[in-house]
Amino acid sequence: MIIPQSKTDLQDLLDSRYERYANKLFLADDPIQIPHRFSKVEDIEIAGLLTATIAWGNRKSILNSMNRLLNAMSNNPYQFVINFKSSDRKYLKGFVHRTFNEDDCAAFIQVLKSIYSEQGGLRSVFVGAYNRNKSIADSINAYRNCFVIADIPSRTLKHTPNINAGSAAKRLNMYLRWMVRPSAEGIDFGLWVEIPTSALLIPLDVHSGRVARALGLLQRPQNDFRAVEELTTELRQFDTNDPIKYDFALFGMGVNGDL
């Protein structure tokens, strides 16, 4: 492919690849298919959050791990979370995905129980923090703080992104895309309408970062939070209201070698 030399050509490329990849075929092998199994909002939120938390590595492996975890929850994640007690740890025995093990999983579920029983749920945590300063960074920090104040083990806390230390928060920005962007393409859910799509940040990973640099959209060499902000700012030139729709384009081009 010839790299576009003008902003107009780049806009055309991004729009065409968005149209190519942002459709229900995307669900076939993507982790977002997991929360699509549910209709209850709380089940979607929790299944989505846990899926996003372990969404690194081979996508087939992610799906297999989530199938095991949901089976352990009797495919009723909200009820499992809200009724979780120490004796229920036996259902998580042996669960592991990469470095996320049964102890990490139990700690996450305990924090999620607190979030739903005491703080109004994940929506309340993310939306409430966003509304204070209209900042997705505040939402990400508020979520992580739920784990900090719960005094969970440091090894488990590493599975929550610390953007103040430079984390790109790829998986949490992906989760926010799932929850906030409308369901027009049949992919995202559009549940948290209080957060505008214009405020979302790009879920930056190795694929989207490589393509963004090849297209001249990203200059920063590291995939860190500053790079997330830089790339998101560039994408707003092409769609002020919904810049993160181009996540489909950048990721699709990267993972499919379409560049």
C-alpha atoms as a PDB file:
ATOM      1  CA  MET A   1       0.000   0.000   0.000  1.00  0.00           C
ATOM      2  CA  ILE A   2       1.165   3.531  -0.787  1.00  0.00           C
ATOM      3  CA  ILE A   3       1.194   5.680   2.356  1.00  0.00           C
ATOM      4  CA  PRO A   4      -1.221   8.627   1.933  1.00  0.00           C
ATOM      5  CA  GLN A   5       0.563  11.939   1.424  1.00  0.00           C
ATOM      6  CA  SER A   6      -2.326  14.312   2.137  1.00  0.00           C
ATOM      7  CA  LYS A   7      -4.801  14.672   4.964  1.00  0.00           C
ATOM      8  CA  THR A   8      -7.645  14.037   2.531  1.00  0.00           C
ATOM      9  CA  ASP A   9      -6.103  10.776   1.339  1.00  0.00           C
ATOM     10  CA  LEU A  10      -5.450   9.737   4.932  1.00  0.00           C
ATOM     11  CA  GLN A  11      -9.053  10.506   5.848  1.00  0.00           C
ATOM     12  CA  ASP A  12     -10.229   8.365   2.925  1.00  0.00           C
ATOM     13  CA  LEU A  13      -7.991   5.489   4.019  1.00  0.00           C
ATOM     14  CA  LEU A  14      -9.102   5.605   7.634  1.00  0.00           C
ATOM     15  CA  ASP A  15     -12.775   5.833   6.686  1.00  0.00           C
ATOM     16  CA  SER A  16     -12.527   2.973   4.190  1.00  0.00           C
ATOM     17  CA  ARG A  17     -10.786   0.702   6.685  1.00  0.00           C
ATOM     18  CA  TYR A  18     -13.256   1.633   9.405  1.00  0.00           C
ATOM     19  CA  GLU A  19     -16.062   0.568   7.053  1.00  0.00           C
ATOM     20  CA  ARG A  20     -14.195  -2.639   6.211  1.00  0.00           C
ATOM     21  CA  TYR A  21     -13.580  -3.792   9.759  1.00  0.00           C
ATOM     22  CA  ALA A  22     -16.358  -2.267  11.907  1.00  0.00           C
ATOM     23  CA  ASN A  23     -19.095  -4.829  11.339  1.00  0.00           C
ATOM     24  CA  LYS A  24     -20.423  -7.957  13.014  1.00  0.00           C
ATOM     25  CA  LEU A  25     -17.742 -10.112  11.390  1.00  0.00           C
ATOM     26  CA  PHE A  26     -15.423  -8.416  13.878  1.00  0.00           C
ATOM     27  CA  LEU A  27     -17.112 -10.416  16.657  1.00  0.00           C
ATOM     28  CA  ALA A  28     -16.066 -13.774  15.216  1.00  0.00           C
ATOM     29  CA  ASP A  29     -12.701 -13.961  16.976  1.00  0.00           C
ATOM     30  CA  ASP A  30     -12.596 -10.841  19.148  1.00  0.00           C
ATOM     31  CA  PRO A  31     -12.897 -10.952  22.963  1.00  0.00           C
ATOM     32  CA  ILE A  32     -15.874  -8.571  22.842  1.00  0.00           C
ATOM     33  CA  GLN A  33     -17.976 -11.569  21.831  1.00  0.00           C
ATOM     34  CA  ILE A  34     -17.894 -12.619  25.516  1.00  0.00           C
ATOM     35  CA  PRO A  35     -20.073  -9.808  26.952  1.00  0.00           C
ATOM     36  CA  HIS A  36     -22.316 -10.126  23.882  1.00  0.00           C
ATOM     37  CA  ARG A  37     -23.572 -13.404  25.358  1.00  0.00           C
ATOM     38  CA  PHE A  38     -25.501 -11.476  27.996  1.00  0.00           C
ATOM     39  CA  SER A  39     -28.504  -9.159  28.005  1.00  0.00           C
ATOM     40  CA  LYS A  40     -28.508  -7.937  31.611  1.00  0.00           C
ATOM     41  CA  VAL A  41     -26.517  -4.703  31.916  1.00  0.00           C
ATOM     42  CA  GLU A  42     -24.598  -5.787  35.010  1.00  0.00           C
ATOM     43  CA  ASP A  43     -23.623  -9.089  33.370  1.00  0.00           C
ATOM     44  CA  ILE A  44     -22.364  -7.216  30.300  1.00  0.00           C
ATOM     45  CA  GLU A  45     -20.379  -4.786  32.449  1.00  0.00           C
ATOM     46  CA  ILE A  46     -18.746  -7.465  34.594  1.00  0.00           C
ATOM     47  CA  ALA A  47     -18.104  -9.986  31.814  1.00  0.00           C
ATOM     48  CA  GLY A  48     -16.697  -7.156  29.716  1.00  0.00           C
ATOM     49  CA  LEU A  49     -14.444  -5.890  32.504  1.00  0.00           C
ATOM     50  CA  LEU A  50     -13.030  -9.330  33.276  1.00  0.00           C
ATOM     51  CA  THR A  51     -12.541 -10.047  29.582  1.00  0.00           C
ATOM     52  CA  ALA A  52     -10.721  -6.760  29.044  1.00  0.00           C
ATOM     53  CA  THR A  53      -8.570  -7.410  32.129  1.00  0.00           C
ATOM     54  CA  ILE A  54      -7.120 -10.614  30.673  1.00  0.00           C
ATOM     55  CA  ALA A  55      -7.160  -9.472  27.033  1.00  0.00           C
ATOM     56  CA  TRP A  56      -3.517  -9.859  26.183  1.00  0.00           C
ATOM     57  CA  GLY A  57      -1.852 -12.549  24.145  1.00  0.00           C
ATOM     58  CA  ASN A  58      -3.507 -14.887  21.665  1.00  0.00           C
ATOM     59  CA  ARG A  59      -7.188 -14.080  21.159  1.00  0.00           C
ATOM     60  CA  LYS A  60      -8.172 -17.751  21.100  1.00  0.00           C
ATOM     61  CA  SER A  61      -6.460 -18.193  24.457  1.00  0.00           C
ATOM     62  CA  ILE A  62      -8.344 -15.184  25.869  1.00  0.00           C
ATOM     63  CA  LEU A  63     -11.664 -16.661  24.752  1.00  0.00           C
ATOM     64  CA  ASN A  64     -10.804 -20.079  26.199  1.00  0.00           C
ATOM     65  CA  SER A  65      -9.849 -18.522  29.536  1.00  0.00           C
ATOM     66  CA  MET A  66     -13.048 -16.502  29.720  1.00  0.00           C
ATOM     67  CA  ASN A  67     -15.105 -19.577  28.890  1.00  0.00           C
ATOM     68  CA  ARG A  68     -13.511 -21.344  31.862  1.00  0.00           C
ATOM     69  CA  LEU A  69     -14.085 -18.388  34.139  1.00  0.00           C
ATOM     70  CA  LEU A  70     -17.723 -17.942  33.137  1.00  0.00           C
ATOM     71  CA  ASN A  71     -18.337 -21.648  33.622  1.00  0.00           C
ATOM     72  CA  ALA A  72     -16.930 -21.283  37.144  1.00  0.00           C
ATOM     73  CA  MET A  73     -19.468 -18.478  37.649  1.00  0.00           C
ATOM     74  CA  SER A  74     -22.309 -20.671  36.326  1.00  0.00           C
ATOM     75  CA  ASN A  75     -22.549 -18.159  33.451  1.00  0.00           C
ATOM     76  CA  ASN A  76     -24.146 -15.659  35.830  1.00  0.00           C
ATOM     77  CA  PRO A  77     -21.339 -13.183  36.537  1.00  0.00           C
ATOM     78  CA  TYR A  78     -23.339 -10.512  38.373  1.00  0.00           C
ATOM     79  CA  GLN A  79     -24.941 -12.985  40.787  1.00  0.00           C
ATOM     80  CA  PHE A  80     -21.602 -14.696  41.340  1.00  0.00           C
ATOM     81  CA  VAL A  81     -19.934 -11.351  42.116  1.00  0.00           C
ATOM     82  CA  ILE A  82     -22.632  -9.867  44.328  1.00  0.00           C
ATOM     83  CA  ASN A  83     -22.993 -13.077  46.383  1.00  0.00           C
ATOM     84  CA  PHE A  84     -19.279 -13.915  46.487  1.00  0.00           C
ATOM     85  CA  LYS A  85     -17.887 -15.184  49.797  1.00  0.00           C
ATOM     86  CA  SER A  86     -14.594 -16.736  50.804  1.00  0.00           C
ATOM     87  CA  SER A  87     -15.920 -20.285  50.414  1.00  0.00           C
ATOM     88  CA  ASP A  88     -16.649 -19.552  46.735  1.00  0.00           C
ATOM     89  CA  ARG A  89     -12.939 -19.350  46.002  1.00  0.00           C
ATOM     90  CA  LYS A  90     -13.103 -23.091  45.417  1.00  0.00           C
ATOM     91  CA  TYR A  91     -14.878 -22.442  42.116  1.00  0.00           C
ATOM     92  CA  LEU A  92     -11.864 -20.446  40.909  1.00  0.00           C
ATOM     93  CA  LYS A  93      -9.300 -23.078  41.847  1.00  0.00           C
ATOM     94  CA  GLY A  94      -6.820 -23.669  39.077  1.00  0.00           C
ATOM     95  CA  PHE A  95      -7.872 -20.695  36.981  1.00  0.00           C
ATOM     96  CA  VAL A  96      -4.972 -18.964  35.279  1.00  0.00           C
ATOM     97  CA  HIS A  97      -4.481 -16.786  32.217  1.00  0.00           C
ATOM     98  CA  ARG A  98      -0.881 -15.791  31.633  1.00  0.00           C
ATOM     99  CA  THR A  99       0.082 -14.030  34.898  1.00  0.00           C
ATOM    100  CA  PHE A 100      -3.518 -13.598  36.092  1.00  0.00           C
ATOM    101  CA  ASN A 101      -4.195 -16.474  38.474  1.00  0.00           C
ATOM    102  CA  GLU A 102      -6.958 -17.667  40.810  1.00  0.00           C
ATOM    103  CA  ASP A 103      -5.801 -15.370  43.628  1.00  0.00           C
ATOM    104  CA  ASP A 104      -5.881 -12.351  41.328  1.00  0.00           C
ATOM    105  CA  CYS A 105      -9.294 -13.407  40.082  1.00  0.00           C
ATOM    106  CA  ALA A 106     -10.688 -13.758  43.606  1.00  0.00           C
ATOM    107  CA  ALA A 107      -9.334 -10.319  44.532  1.00  0.00           C
ATOM    108  CA  PHE A 108     -10.906  -8.752  41.439  1.00  0.00           C
ATOM    109  CA  ILE A 109     -14.255 -10.345  42.212  1.00  0.00           C
ATOM    110  CA  GLN A 110     -14.081  -9.142  45.819  1.00  0.00           C
ATOM    111  CA  VAL A 111     -13.419  -5.568  44.639  1.00  0.00           C
ATOM    112  CA  LEU A 112     -16.197  -5.823  42.065  1.00  0.00           C
ATOM    113  CA  LYS A 113     -18.543  -6.965  44.815  1.00  0.00           C
ATOM    114  CA  SER A 114     -17.671  -3.822  46.754  1.00  0.00           C
ATOM    115  CA  ILE A 115     -18.130  -1.664  43.652  1.00  0.00           C
ATOM    116  CA  TYR A 116     -21.641  -3.020  43.047  1.00  0.00           C
ATOM    117  CA  SER A 117     -22.790  -3.281  46.650  1.00  0.00           C
ATOM    118  CA  GLU A 118     -21.325  -0.025  47.969  1.00  0.00           C
ATOM    119  CA  GLN A 119     -20.538   2.296  45.038  1.00  0.00           C
ATOM    120  CA  GLY A 120     -23.420   1.838  42.631  1.00  0.00           C
ATOM    121  CA  GLY A 121     -21.584  -0.338  40.131  1.00  0.00           C
ATOM    122  CA  LEU A 122     -18.913   0.089  37.467  1.00  0.00           C
ATOM    123  CA  ARG A 123     -20.971   2.667  35.606  1.00  0.00           C
ATOM    124  CA  SER A 124     -21.143   4.830  38.715  1.00  0.00           C
ATOM    125  CA  VAL A 125     -17.384   4.603  39.279  1.00  0.00           C
ATOM    126  CA  PHE A 126     -16.379   5.469  35.723  1.00  0.00           C
ATOM    127  CA  VAL A 127     -19.110   7.992  34.922  1.00  0.00           C
ATOM    128  CA  GLY A 128     -18.951   9.680  38.318  1.00  0.00           C
ATOM    129  CA  ALA A 129     -15.219  10.267  37.997  1.00  0.00           C
ATOM    130  CA  TYR A 130     -15.567  11.466  34.399  1.00  0.00           C
ATOM    131  CA  ASN A 131     -18.218  14.005  35.355  1.00  0.00           C
ATOM    132  CA  ARG A 132     -15.994  15.736  37.881  1.00  0.00           C
ATOM    133  CA  ASN A 133     -13.521  17.103  35.295  1.00  0.00           C
ATOM    134  CA  LYS A 134     -14.773  15.617  32.000  1.00  0.00           C
ATOM    135  CA  SER A 135     -11.675  13.442  31.930  1.00  0.00           C
ATOM    136  CA  ILE A 136     -11.300   9.790  30.958  1.00  0.00           C
ATOM    137  CA  ALA A 137      -7.982   9.822  32.805  1.00  0.00           C
ATOM    138  CA  ASP A 138      -9.948  10.543  35.981  1.00  0.00           C
ATOM    139  CA  SER A 139     -12.212   7.561  35.221  1.00  0.00           C
ATOM    140  CA  ILE A 140      -9.236   5.249  34.815  1.00  0.00           C
ATOM    141  CA  ASN A 141      -7.665   6.516  38.032  1.00  0.00           C
ATOM    142  CA  ALA A 142     -10.942   6.175  39.951  1.00  0.00           C
ATOM    143  CA  TYR A 143     -11.262   2.553  38.858  1.00  0.00           C
ATOM    144  CA  ARG A 144      -7.713   1.761  39.917  1.00  0.00           C
ATOM    145  CA  ASN A 145      -8.271   3.503  43.236  1.00  0.00           C
ATOM    146  CA  CYS A 146     -11.049   1.013  44.030  1.00  0.00           C
ATOM    147  CA  PHE A 147      -8.304  -1.625  44.116  1.00  0.00           C
ATOM    148  CA  VAL A 148      -5.803   0.563  45.949  1.00  0.00           C
ATOM    149  CA  ILE A 149      -8.172   1.262  48.857  1.00  0.00           C
ATOM    150  CA  ALA A 150      -9.128  -2.420  48.985  1.00  0.00           C
ATOM    151  CA  ASP A 151      -5.486  -3.107  49.858  1.00  0.00           C
ATOM    152  CA  ILE A 152      -5.160  -6.024  47.474  1.00  0.00           C
ATOM    153  CA  PRO A 153      -1.771  -7.717  46.911  1.00  0.00           C
ATOM    154  CA  SER A 154       0.688  -5.721  44.792  1.00  0.00           C
ATOM    155  CA  ARG A 155       0.887  -8.523  42.230  1.00  0.00           C
ATOM    156  CA  THR A 156      -2.860  -8.223  41.657  1.00  0.00           C
ATOM    157  CA  LEU A 157      -2.771  -4.423  41.569  1.00  0.00           C
ATOM    158  CA  LYS A 158      -0.427  -4.695  38.578  1.00  0.00           C
ATOM    159  CA  HIS A 159      -3.447  -5.859  36.568  1.00  0.00           C
ATOM    160  CA  THR A 160      -4.978  -2.387  36.909  1.00  0.00           C
ATOM    161  CA  PRO A 161      -3.370   0.343  34.767  1.00  0.00           C
ATOM    162  CA  ASN A 162      -1.405   3.137  36.422  1.00  0.00           C
ATOM    163  CA  ILE A 163      -1.494   5.940  33.860  1.00  0.00           C
ATOM    164  CA  ASN A 164       0.366   8.234  36.276  1.00  0.00           C
ATOM    165  CA  ALA A 165       3.321   5.887  35.826  1.00  0.00           C
ATOM    166  CA  GLY A 166       2.912   5.949  32.043  1.00  0.00           C
ATOM    167  CA  SER A 167       0.669   2.957  31.361  1.00  0.00           C
ATOM    168  CA  ALA A 168      -1.186   3.189  28.056  1.00  0.00           C
ATOM    169  CA  ALA A 169      -4.177   1.518  29.762  1.00  0.00           C
ATOM    170  CA  LYS A 170      -4.921  -0.262  26.500  1.00  0.00           C
ATOM    171  CA  ARG A 171      -7.317  -2.813  27.937  1.00  0.00           C
ATOM    172  CA  LEU A 172      -9.260  -0.315  30.033  1.00  0.00           C
ATOM    173  CA  ASN A 173      -9.572   2.130  27.128  1.00  0.00           C
ATOM    174  CA  MET A 174     -10.842  -0.788  25.058  1.00  0.00           C
ATOM    175  CA  TYR A 175     -13.381  -1.591  27.780  1.00  0.00           C
ATOM    176  CA  LEU A 176     -14.530   2.033  27.835  1.00  0.00           C
ATOM    177  CA  ARG A 177     -14.954   1.890  24.066  1.00  0.00           C
ATOM    178  CA  TRP A 178     -17.152  -1.178  24.521  1.00  0.00           C
ATOM    179  CA  MET A 179     -19.308   0.462  27.175  1.00  0.00           C
ATOM    180  CA  VAL A 180     -19.570   3.979  25.692  1.00  0.00           C
ATOM    181  CA  ARG A 181     -19.630   3.817  21.890  1.00  0.00           C
ATOM    182  CA  PRO A 182     -23.107   3.234  20.426  1.00  0.00           C
ATOM    183  CA  SER A 183     -24.122  -0.177  19.146  1.00  0.00           C
ATOM    184  CA  ALA A 184     -24.718   0.999  15.571  1.00  0.00           C
ATOM    185  CA  GLU A 185     -22.156  -1.420  14.084  1.00  0.00           C
ATOM    186  CA  GLY A 186     -23.362  -4.269  16.297  1.00  0.00           C
ATOM    187  CA  ILE A 187     -20.040  -4.359  18.166  1.00  0.00           C
ATOM    188  CA  ASP A 188     -19.923  -1.891  21.069  1.00  0.00           C
ATOM    189  CA  PHE A 189     -22.750  -1.563  23.587  1.00  0.00           C
ATOM    190  CA  GLY A 190     -23.503   2.142  24.103  1.00  0.00           C
ATOM    191  CA  LEU A 191     -24.510   1.595  27.734  1.00  0.00           C
ATOM    192  CA  TRP A 192     -22.773   4.529  29.421  1.00  0.00           C
ATOM    193  CA  VAL A 193     -24.318   7.394  27.479  1.00  0.00           C
ATOM    194  CA  GLU A 194     -23.236   9.980  30.076  1.00  0.00           C
ATOM    195  CA  ILE A 195     -19.710   9.801  28.653  1.00  0.00           C
ATOM    196  CA  PRO A 196     -19.490  11.273  25.121  1.00  0.00           C
ATOM    197  CA  THR A 197     -17.652   9.294  22.467  1.00  0.00           C
ATOM    198  CA  SER A 198     -15.576  12.408  21.797  1.00  0.00           C
ATOM    199  CA  ALA A 199     -13.908  11.969  25.210  1.00  0.00           C
ATOM    200  CA  LEU A 200     -12.709   8.391  24.676  1.00  0.00           C
ATOM    201  CA  LEU A 201      -9.023   7.519  24.300  1.00  0.00           C
ATOM    202  CA  ILE A 202      -7.507   5.132  21.768  1.00  0.00           C
ATOM    203  CA  PRO A 203      -6.804   1.573  23.001  1.00  0.00           C
ATOM    204  CA  LEU A 204      -3.177   1.678  21.874  1.00  0.00           C
ATOM    205  CA  ASP A 205      -1.433  -1.641  21.289  1.00  0.00           C
ATOM    206  CA  VAL A 206       1.420  -2.958  19.200  1.00  0.00           C
ATOM    207  CA  HIS A 207      -0.768  -3.290  16.078  1.00  0.00           C
ATOM    208  CA  SER A 208      -2.474   0.109  16.162  1.00  0.00           C
ATOM    209  CA  GLY A 209       0.758   1.806  17.241  1.00  0.00           C
ATOM    210  CA  ARG A 210       2.744   0.357  14.354  1.00  0.00           C
ATOM    211  CA  VAL A 211       0.138   1.398  11.790  1.00  0.00           C
ATOM    212  CA  ALA A 212      -0.316   4.856  13.336  1.00  0.00           C
ATOM    213  CA  ARG A 213       3.422   5.512  13.082  1.00  0.00           C
ATOM    214  CA  ALA A 214       3.560   4.266   9.505  1.00  0.00           C
ATOM    215  CA  LEU A 215       0.749   6.687   8.629  1.00  0.00           C
ATOM    216  CA  GLY A 216       2.435   9.596  10.404  1.00  0.00           C
ATOM    217  CA  LEU A 217      -0.294   9.826  13.049  1.00  0.00           C
ATOM    218  CA  LEU A 218       2.016   9.056  15.953  1.00  0.00           C
ATOM    219  CA  GLN A 219       5.546  10.297  16.501  1.00  0.00           C
ATOM    220  CA  ARG A 220       6.218   9.120  20.047  1.00  0.00           C
ATOM    221  CA  PRO A 221       8.155   5.812  19.925  1.00  0.00           C
ATOM    222  CA  GLN A 222       6.817   4.332  23.191  1.00  0.00           C
ATOM    223  CA  ASN A 223       3.320   2.904  23.555  1.00  0.00           C
ATOM    224  CA  ASP A 224       2.602   4.821  26.764  1.00  0.00           C
ATOM    225  CA  PHE A 225      -0.106   7.188  27.988  1.00  0.00           C
ATOM    226  CA  ARG A 226       1.482  10.195  26.307  1.00  0.00           C
ATOM    227  CA  ALA A 227       1.331   8.290  23.016  1.00  0.00           C
ATOM    228  CA  VAL A 228      -2.352   7.526  23.678  1.00  0.00           C
ATOM    229  CA  GLU A 229      -3.066  11.226  24.118  1.00  0.00           C
ATOM    230  CA  GLU A 230      -1.020  12.161  21.042  1.00  0.00           C
ATOM    231  CA  LEU A 231      -2.720   9.632  18.759  1.00  0.00           C
ATOM    232  CA  THR A 232      -6.202  10.429  20.077  1.00  0.00           C
ATOM    233  CA  THR A 233      -5.612  14.125  19.392  1.00  0.00           C
ATOM    234  CA  GLU A 234      -4.581  13.312  15.816  1.00  0.00           C
ATOM    235  CA  LEU A 235      -7.637  11.103  15.252  1.00  0.00           C
ATOM    236  CA  ARG A 236      -9.945  13.909  16.401  1.00  0.00           C
ATOM    237  CA  GLN A 237      -8.937  15.756  13.219  1.00  0.00           C
ATOM    238  CA  PHE A 238     -10.811  13.130  11.227  1.00  0.00           C
ATOM    239  CA  ASP A 239     -13.864  12.723  13.467  1.00  0.00           C
ATOM    240  CA  THR A 240     -14.284  15.156  16.341  1.00  0.00           C
ATOM    241  CA  ASN A 241     -17.312  13.371  17.772  1.00  0.00           C
ATOM    242  CA  ASP A 242     -16.117   9.779  17.512  1.00  0.00           C
ATOM    243  CA  PRO A 243     -12.342   9.584  16.985  1.00  0.00           C
ATOM    244  CA  ILE A 244     -12.041   6.128  18.537  1.00  0.00           C
ATOM    245  CA  LYS A 245     -14.042   4.543  15.734  1.00  0.00           C
ATOM    246  CA  TYR A 246     -10.670   4.505  13.971  1.00  0.00           C
ATOM    247  CA  ASP A 247      -9.502   1.897  16.465  1.00  0.00           C
ATOM    248  CA  PHE A 248     -11.175  -0.579  14.110  1.00  0.00           C
ATOM    249  CA  ALA A 249      -9.221   0.798  11.163  1.00  0.00           C
ATOM    250  CA  LEU A 250      -5.801   0.893  12.837  1.00  0.00           C
ATOM    251  CA  PHE A 251      -6.160  -2.451  14.597  1.00  0.00           C
ATOM    252  CA  GLY A 252      -7.652  -4.101  11.516  1.00  0.00           C
ATOM    253  CA  MET A 253      -4.863  -2.884   9.258  1.00  0.00           C
ATOM    254  CA  GLY A 254      -2.266  -3.992  11.783  1.00  0.00           C
ATOM    255  CA  VAL A 255      -3.516  -7.459  12.622  1.00  0.00           C
ATOM    256  CA  ASN A 256      -4.438  -8.255   8.994  1.00  0.00           C
ATOM    257  CA  GLY A 257      -1.282  -6.844   7.428  1.00  0.00           C
ATOM    258  CA  ASP A 258      -3.441  -4.406   5.485  1.00  0.00           C
ATOM    259  CA  LEU A 259      -0.788  -1.724   5.159  1.00  0.00           C
END
